[in-house]
Protein backbone atom coordinates (compact mmCIF):
# COMPACT_ATOMS: atom_id res chain seq x y z
CA MET A 1 83.60 84.84 120.99
CA SER A 2 84.19 82.50 118.10
CA ALA A 3 86.58 79.54 118.55
CA PRO A 4 89.83 79.79 117.54
CA SER A 5 91.13 79.05 114.14
CA THR A 6 93.98 77.26 114.98
CA THR A 7 94.33 74.63 117.62
CA ASP A 8 95.32 75.09 121.16
CA SER A 9 98.63 73.33 120.66
CA THR A 10 99.80 75.74 117.76
CA PRO A 11 102.37 78.69 118.80
CA ILE A 12 100.01 81.03 117.56
CA LEU A 13 96.01 81.26 117.95
CA LEU A 14 93.37 83.33 115.80
CA GLN A 15 90.22 84.09 117.76
CA ARG A 16 87.39 86.39 116.22
CA ASP A 17 84.91 88.62 118.47
CA GLY A 18 82.78 90.11 115.72
CA ASP A 19 85.06 92.74 114.01
CA ILE A 20 87.90 92.35 116.54
CA ALA A 21 90.42 89.75 115.82
CA THR A 22 92.70 88.77 118.72
CA VAL A 23 95.96 87.11 117.98
CA VAL A 24 97.51 85.10 120.92
CA LEU A 25 101.32 84.24 121.19
CA ASN A 26 100.50 80.62 122.71
CA ARG A 27 103.46 79.18 124.36
CA PRO A 28 102.67 79.92 128.03
CA ASP A 29 104.89 77.16 129.30
CA LYS A 30 107.72 79.18 127.58
CA LEU A 31 106.64 82.49 128.32
CA ASN A 32 105.45 82.72 124.83
CA ALA A 33 108.87 82.53 123.32
CA PHE A 34 109.25 82.22 119.51
CA THR A 35 110.31 79.59 117.25
CA ILE A 36 110.75 79.74 113.81
CA ASP A 37 107.53 77.96 113.12
CA GLY A 38 105.67 80.53 115.43
CA TRP A 39 107.55 83.74 113.51
CA ARG A 40 106.26 82.32 110.23
CA LEU A 41 102.69 81.37 111.30
CA LEU A 42 102.46 84.83 112.77
CA GLY A 43 103.36 86.47 109.48
CA ASP A 44 100.63 84.16 107.78
CA ILE A 45 97.87 85.20 110.01
CA PHE A 46 98.69 88.82 109.83
CA LEU A 47 98.74 89.00 106.10
CA GLN A 48 95.31 86.94 106.31
CA LEU A 49 94.04 89.72 108.63
CA ASP A 50 95.23 92.46 105.98
CA ARG A 51 93.06 90.94 103.48
CA ASP A 52 89.82 90.80 105.54
CA ASP A 53 87.71 93.77 105.10
CA SER A 54 85.40 92.44 108.18
CA VAL A 55 88.10 93.33 110.77
CA ARG A 56 88.57 96.51 112.08
CA CYS A 57 91.09 96.26 114.82
CA VAL A 58 93.50 93.53 115.99
CA LEU A 59 94.35 92.74 119.25
CA LEU A 60 97.82 91.29 119.94
CA ARG A 61 98.53 89.52 123.32
CA GLY A 62 100.46 86.64 124.70
CA ALA A 63 98.72 83.55 126.45
CA GLY A 64 98.46 83.76 130.02
CA GLU A 65 99.74 86.78 132.35
CA LYS A 66 103.03 86.28 133.02
CA ALA A 67 104.33 87.13 129.84
CA PHE A 68 103.89 89.16 126.36
CA SER A 69 106.98 87.52 125.03
CA PRO A 70 110.89 87.28 126.06
CA GLY A 71 111.77 87.01 122.33
CA ASN A 72 113.16 84.09 120.44
CA ASP A 73 113.39 80.66 122.16
CA ILE A 74 117.27 80.27 122.98
CA SER A 75 117.17 76.45 122.87
CA GLU A 76 116.32 76.43 119.29
CA PHE A 77 119.68 78.42 118.44
CA GLU A 78 121.90 75.19 118.67
CA THR A 79 119.55 73.77 115.66
CA ALA A 80 118.09 76.70 113.71
CA ARG A 81 120.48 79.76 114.45
CA SER A 82 124.06 78.32 115.07
CA ASN A 83 125.73 79.76 112.23
CA LYS A 84 125.34 82.78 109.80
CA ARG A 85 123.64 80.79 107.13
CA GLN A 86 121.30 79.28 109.47
CA ALA A 87 120.45 82.84 110.63
CA VAL A 88 119.97 84.56 107.25
CA GLU A 89 117.30 81.99 106.63
CA TYR A 90 115.96 82.32 110.03
CA GLY A 91 116.09 86.26 109.56
CA ALA A 92 114.13 85.98 106.16
CA VAL A 93 111.19 84.64 107.97
CA MET A 94 111.30 87.17 110.93
CA ARG A 95 111.54 89.86 108.24
CA ARG A 96 108.33 88.68 106.32
CA THR A 97 106.37 88.63 109.82
CA ILE A 98 107.52 91.90 111.02
CA GLU A 99 106.90 93.61 107.65
CA ALA A 100 103.14 91.95 107.74
CA ILE A 101 102.29 93.28 111.09
CA GLY A 102 103.83 96.74 110.08
CA GLY A 103 101.93 96.68 106.98
CA CYS A 104 98.81 95.56 108.16
CA ARG A 105 96.13 98.21 107.25
CA HIS A 106 93.90 97.57 110.51
CA PRO A 107 95.03 99.21 113.73
CA VAL A 108 96.62 96.76 116.23
CA VAL A 109 96.72 97.24 120.03
CA ALA A 110 99.33 95.17 122.02
CA GLN A 111 97.85 93.78 125.57
CA ILE A 112 101.18 93.51 127.45
CA HIS A 113 101.40 91.60 130.74
CA GLY A 114 104.70 90.77 132.08
CA ILE A 115 107.65 90.54 130.34
CA CYS A 116 107.96 92.19 127.05
CA VAL A 117 111.77 91.69 125.71
CA GLY A 118 113.96 91.03 122.78
CA GLY A 119 111.82 89.89 119.91
CA GLY A 120 108.78 90.37 121.98
CA LEU A 121 109.30 94.17 122.33
CA GLU A 122 110.30 93.95 118.89
CA ILE A 123 106.82 92.68 118.10
CA ALA A 124 105.09 95.08 120.66
CA SER A 125 106.92 98.12 118.89
CA LEU A 126 104.91 97.40 115.70
CA ALA A 127 101.49 97.76 117.28
CA ASP A 128 99.77 101.30 117.13
CA LEU A 129 98.76 101.19 120.71
CA ARG A 130 100.80 99.39 123.52
CA ILE A 131 98.72 98.91 126.86
CA CYS A 132 100.97 97.17 129.90
CA GLY A 133 100.72 96.48 133.35
CA GLU A 134 102.37 98.20 136.11
CA SER A 135 104.56 95.02 136.73
CA SER A 136 105.68 94.73 133.06
CA ARG A 137 109.23 94.94 132.25
CA PHE A 138 111.05 95.50 128.83
CA GLY A 139 114.49 95.38 127.51
CA VAL A 140 116.54 93.89 124.69
CA PRO A 141 119.79 92.50 126.63
CA ILE A 142 120.85 90.66 123.44
CA LYS A 143 124.64 91.97 123.75
CA ASN A 144 124.79 89.17 126.48
CA LEU A 145 124.20 86.55 123.63
CA GLY A 146 126.68 88.45 120.95
CA LEU A 147 123.69 89.01 118.94
CA VAL A 148 123.03 92.40 117.19
CA MET A 149 119.34 93.22 115.79
CA SER A 150 118.92 93.25 112.06
CA TYR A 151 117.66 96.27 110.03
CA SER A 152 114.49 94.69 109.76
CA GLU A 153 114.04 94.02 113.53
CA LEU A 154 115.71 97.54 114.77
CA ALA A 155 113.56 99.36 112.45
CA PRO A 156 110.35 99.47 114.45
CA LEU A 157 112.16 100.19 117.59
CA VAL A 158 113.99 103.31 116.37
CA ARG A 159 110.73 104.51 114.62
CA LEU A 160 108.77 104.12 118.09
CA VAL A 161 111.62 105.85 120.49
CA GLY A 162 114.30 107.41 118.14
CA PRO A 163 117.80 106.65 117.44
CA THR A 164 119.01 107.84 120.84
CA THR A 165 116.64 106.17 123.04
CA ALA A 166 117.11 102.82 121.02
CA LEU A 167 120.77 103.08 121.20
CA GLN A 168 120.40 103.31 125.06
CA VAL A 169 118.29 100.28 125.38
CA LEU A 170 120.61 98.27 123.22
CA LEU A 171 124.28 99.38 124.22
CA GLU A 172 123.08 99.13 127.91
CA GLY A 173 121.06 96.25 127.67
CA THR A 174 119.18 96.82 131.04
CA ILE A 175 116.09 95.62 131.65
CA PHE A 176 113.41 98.34 132.66
CA ASP A 177 109.85 98.84 134.33
CA ALA A 178 106.71 100.04 133.15
CA ALA A 179 107.15 103.65 134.41
CA GLU A 180 110.12 104.05 132.40
CA ALA A 181 108.89 102.39 129.27
CA LEU A 182 106.09 105.14 129.20
CA ARG A 183 108.73 107.83 129.96
CA LEU A 184 110.60 106.43 126.99
CA GLY A 185 107.66 106.14 124.81
CA VAL A 186 108.03 102.22 124.49
CA VAL A 187 104.48 101.95 125.46
CA THR A 188 101.26 104.11 125.17
CA ARG A 189 99.60 103.54 128.43
CA VAL A 190 100.27 101.79 131.77
CA VAL A 191 97.56 100.50 133.77
CA PRO A 192 97.15 98.11 136.93
CA ASP A 193 97.92 94.65 136.07
CA GLY A 194 94.45 93.35 136.83
CA GLN A 195 92.80 95.95 134.28
CA VAL A 196 95.24 95.31 131.15
CA ALA A 197 92.72 92.90 129.37
CA GLU A 198 89.81 95.17 130.08
CA GLN A 199 91.76 98.29 129.14
CA ALA A 200 93.21 96.69 125.73
CA GLN A 201 89.93 95.27 124.77
CA ALA A 202 88.13 98.57 125.62
CA ALA A 203 90.55 100.49 123.37
CA ALA A 204 90.17 98.09 120.66
CA ARG A 205 86.42 98.41 120.97
CA ARG A 206 86.64 102.15 120.49
CA ILE A 207 88.93 101.73 117.50
CA ALA A 208 86.22 98.96 116.06
CA ASP A 209 83.14 101.61 116.82
CA GLY A 210 84.92 103.90 114.53
CA ALA A 211 85.10 104.41 110.75
CA PRO A 212 87.35 101.75 109.47
CA LEU A 213 88.31 103.44 106.41
CA VAL A 214 89.38 106.52 108.37
CA ALA A 215 91.46 104.14 110.61
CA ARG A 216 93.05 102.68 107.86
CA TRP A 217 93.56 106.06 106.01
CA HIS A 218 95.25 107.43 109.00
CA LYS A 219 97.39 104.55 109.63
CA LYS A 220 98.53 104.99 106.12
CA PHE A 221 98.94 108.65 106.65
CA VAL A 222 101.26 108.42 109.62
CA ARG A 223 103.15 105.86 108.00
CA ASN A 224 103.77 107.96 105.00
CA LEU A 225 104.87 110.95 107.33
CA VAL A 226 107.23 109.03 109.41
CA GLN A 227 108.93 107.32 106.55
CA GLY A 228 109.48 110.62 104.74
CA LYS A 229 107.60 110.06 101.81
CA ALA A 230 107.56 113.04 99.12
CA LEU A 231 103.95 113.67 98.80
CA THR A 232 102.54 114.15 95.58
CA ASP A 233 99.27 115.71 94.43
CA ALA A 234 97.59 112.43 94.25
CA ASP A 235 98.76 111.64 98.18
CA ARG A 236 97.37 115.08 99.45
CA ASP A 237 94.15 114.83 97.20
CA GLU A 238 93.50 111.26 98.81
CA ALA A 239 92.82 112.59 102.39
CA PHE A 240 89.76 114.15 100.99
CA ASP A 241 88.45 110.88 99.39
CA CYS A 242 86.57 110.21 102.68
CA PHE A 243 83.83 112.85 101.77
CA ASP A 244 82.47 110.41 99.34
CA THR A 245 81.98 107.48 101.64
CA GLU A 246 78.89 106.04 103.28
CA ASP A 247 81.09 106.28 106.53
CA PHE A 248 81.20 109.97 106.45
CA ARG A 249 77.43 110.53 105.22
CA THR A 250 76.63 108.14 108.13
CA GLY A 251 78.85 109.95 110.74
CA TYR A 252 78.22 113.38 110.13
CA ARG A 253 74.39 112.63 109.87
CA ALA A 254 74.36 111.05 113.21
CA PHE A 255 76.15 113.63 114.82
CA LEU A 256 73.79 116.30 113.53
CA ALA A 257 70.77 113.95 115.11
CA LYS A 258 72.96 114.03 118.27
CA ALA A 259 72.79 109.89 117.86
CA LYS A 260 75.53 107.64 118.00
CA PRO A 261 76.01 106.00 114.79
CA LEU A 262 74.91 102.49 114.54
CA SER A 263 76.98 101.16 111.72
CA LEU A 264 79.69 102.65 110.02
CA ILE A 265 80.03 100.98 106.57
CA HIS A 266 82.97 99.53 104.87
CA ILE A 267 82.49 100.85 101.23
CA SER A 268 83.20 98.41 98.48
CA GLU A 269 84.24 100.32 95.25
CA PRO A 270 87.62 98.99 94.11
CA THR A 271 88.87 102.44 94.09
CA ARG A 272 88.24 102.94 97.80
CA GLN A 273 89.87 99.68 98.62
CA GLU A 274 92.98 100.47 96.40
CA ALA A 275 93.21 103.85 98.09
CA ILE A 276 93.97 102.37 101.53
CA SER A 277 95.77 99.11 100.54
């Protein structure tokens, strides 16, 4: 694995292991709680990764094994979110980051240890797969702080679990366990605590070993369907662009030869890149 692109003292770390990028929420002494600098840097990193064609999967996790993230650092509220004007400015930074993660064309896997509440759950909701340990805990108890989720923060949760469950989580404000999170659709998979990293990394590797253009197209198509986009003829035609790619030729020839494709190649023609942007 390559050295982190940021120093260990920064709130977000970026690491690379070949075609898998790992983004680490890096405030273990604060259970990886977010500050405005952390939100801003997280957005910067995801925008950077989105432009990188060599990335095939992004693994998102918290530092240590006690928490993914409990959300925003409450101690920062007095100086950074004590009134509406400050909150609007802070919210703009959060929105940019939420949109950067949600719009990332590469598959994102959340590796969840321990606590995943508030803003932590918002971030995890943006991942395509969410793998947690049996002792993980979830919830959005912000009613106890007199706070509401903005539209940008709320949208990923509503898309993930639906309006009824989202309201249940927000109105009751309870903290629930991993089994309930799986039942509600908050997480994709629950594994023994000691296997979270292994299982998340294995999922990232399975994704990265597949055709990268296919993964990006599938993300785009699912997003279009979930958002209720009115599909044009060009949209429907795009689903067949894959037949003109080297990924397809490599994949089906390997299948016929009963061999594993050793390399699925990202094509570089501008029209193909535009198709998945």
